[in-house]
Amino acid sequence: MLDVQTYQRWPNLCALFLETAAQRGDAPCLWRRDGRAWQSLSWHAVVDQVTQLAQGLEALGVERGARVAIVAENRPEWLVAELAILALGAVAVPAYVTNTEEDHRHVLDNAAVG
């Protein structure tokens, strides 16, 4: 059972993810459908993707506190994007692909995504 001391062990979600990835290594972390078959992505592979995306976002100028929208279907790349954004200290702003243009405008304006 998780208690307060367990939660205090990790300063943020990324720290928890990285520690878990170090423990689980090449075990499956995420699954994606490739045609009719399911393919797994290992914890190490996901860490590599998160790291590469975080570096790319940083190179584009994403800084701590910036708001970054994620507009995607429910898929492994969503989690990769979320963790990369959080790793930079930025704020992930989720939006559904089914949103109308007006819905997107409302979310982006209210979240001050710029």
Protein backbone atom coordinates (compact mmCIF):
# COMPACT_ATOMS: atom_id res chain seq x y z
CA MET A 1 0.00 0.00 0.00
CA LEU A 2 1.24 3.48 -0.82
CA ASP A 3 1.62 5.91 2.04
CA VAL A 4 2.89 9.48 2.46
CA GLN A 5 6.51 8.36 2.77
CA THR A 6 6.24 6.48 -0.51
CA TYR A 7 4.90 9.56 -2.27
CA GLN A 8 7.64 11.75 -0.78
CA ARG A 9 10.23 9.47 -2.37
CA TRP A 10 9.59 10.98 -5.80
CA PRO A 11 9.62 14.76 -6.31
CA ASN A 12 7.52 14.41 -9.47
CA LEU A 13 5.94 12.00 -11.91
CA CYS A 14 9.02 11.89 -14.13
CA ALA A 15 11.20 10.75 -11.24
CA LEU A 16 8.76 7.93 -10.52
CA PHE A 17 8.71 6.96 -14.21
CA LEU A 18 12.51 6.92 -14.50
CA GLU A 19 12.97 4.88 -11.34
CA THR A 20 10.38 2.37 -12.48
CA ALA A 21 11.99 2.20 -15.94
CA ALA A 22 15.38 1.51 -14.36
CA GLN A 23 13.84 -1.39 -12.43
CA ARG A 24 11.82 -2.84 -15.30
CA GLY A 25 14.28 -2.27 -18.16
CA ASP A 26 13.31 -4.28 -21.21
CA ALA A 27 9.95 -5.43 -19.86
CA PRO A 28 6.90 -4.16 -21.77
CA CYS A 29 5.78 -0.68 -20.77
CA LEU A 30 3.37 0.34 -23.52
CA TRP A 31 1.60 -1.51 -26.30
CA ARG A 32 0.66 -0.31 -29.78
CA ARG A 33 -1.27 -1.92 -32.53
CA ASP A 34 0.66 -2.59 -35.73
CA GLY A 35 -1.94 -3.67 -38.24
CA ARG A 36 -3.61 -6.65 -36.60
CA ALA A 37 -0.80 -7.45 -34.15
CA TRP A 38 0.14 -5.79 -30.89
CA GLN A 39 3.72 -4.64 -30.36
CA SER A 40 5.24 -3.77 -27.02
CA LEU A 41 7.57 -0.91 -26.23
CA SER A 42 10.00 -1.58 -23.39
CA TRP A 43 10.50 0.77 -20.49
CA HIS A 44 13.98 1.59 -21.86
CA ALA A 45 12.56 2.35 -25.31
CA VAL A 46 9.97 4.70 -23.81
CA VAL A 47 12.66 6.49 -21.76
CA ASP A 48 14.65 6.98 -24.99
CA GLN A 49 11.60 8.42 -26.77
CA VAL A 50 10.78 10.72 -23.84
CA THR A 51 14.38 11.94 -23.70
CA GLN A 52 14.57 12.61 -27.44
CA LEU A 53 11.27 14.46 -27.49
CA ALA A 54 12.18 16.53 -24.42
CA GLN A 55 15.45 17.51 -26.08
CA GLY A 56 13.59 18.44 -29.26
CA LEU A 57 11.04 20.53 -27.38
CA GLU A 58 13.82 22.25 -25.46
CA ALA A 59 15.60 23.02 -28.74
CA LEU A 60 12.35 24.61 -29.95
CA GLY A 61 12.36 26.89 -26.92
CA VAL A 62 9.95 25.12 -24.55
CA GLU A 63 10.87 26.26 -21.05
CA ARG A 64 9.73 25.59 -17.48
CA GLY A 65 6.16 26.81 -17.03
CA ALA A 66 5.37 26.90 -20.74
CA ARG A 67 2.06 25.38 -21.76
CA VAL A 68 2.22 22.80 -24.53
CA ALA A 69 -0.91 21.36 -26.12
CA ILE A 70 -1.21 17.68 -26.93
CA VAL A 71 -3.84 16.92 -29.54
CA ALA A 72 -3.78 13.22 -30.27
CA GLU A 73 -5.68 10.00 -30.06
CA ASN A 74 -5.27 7.71 -27.08
CA ARG A 75 -1.96 6.07 -27.99
CA PRO A 76 1.57 5.49 -26.61
CA GLU A 77 2.83 8.72 -28.13
CA TRP A 78 0.47 10.64 -25.86
CA LEU A 79 2.24 9.36 -22.74
CA VAL A 80 5.64 9.99 -24.32
CA ALA A 81 4.64 13.58 -25.10
CA GLU A 82 3.17 14.12 -21.64
CA LEU A 83 6.31 12.86 -19.88
CA ALA A 84 8.62 14.86 -22.16
CA ILE A 85 6.67 18.05 -21.46
CA LEU A 86 6.66 17.38 -17.71
CA ALA A 87 10.38 16.55 -17.76
CA LEU A 88 11.03 20.13 -18.89
CA GLY A 89 8.87 21.53 -16.11
CA ALA A 90 6.31 22.63 -18.67
CA VAL A 91 2.56 22.07 -18.48
CA ALA A 92 0.81 19.60 -20.75
CA VAL A 93 -2.57 20.79 -22.01
CA PRO A 94 -4.65 17.89 -23.34
CA ALA A 95 -7.19 18.25 -26.12
CA TYR A 96 -9.21 15.63 -27.95
CA VAL A 97 -8.91 15.07 -31.69
CA THR A 98 -12.71 15.09 -31.77
CA ASN A 99 -12.85 18.68 -30.53
CA THR A 100 -14.36 21.21 -32.87
CA GLU A 101 -12.31 24.22 -33.89
CA GLU A 102 -14.27 26.24 -31.33
CA ASP A 103 -13.52 23.65 -28.62
CA HIS A 104 -9.80 23.82 -29.42
CA ARG A 105 -9.84 27.61 -29.35
CA HIS A 106 -11.57 27.52 -25.93
CA VAL A 107 -9.04 25.06 -24.44
CA LEU A 108 -5.98 26.79 -25.90
CA ASP A 109 -7.11 30.30 -24.97
CA ASN A 110 -8.08 29.35 -21.42
CA ALA A 111 -4.86 27.44 -20.84
CA ALA A 112 -2.80 30.32 -22.29
CA VAL A 113 -1.10 28.03 -24.79
CA GLY A 114 0.98 30.23 -27.00
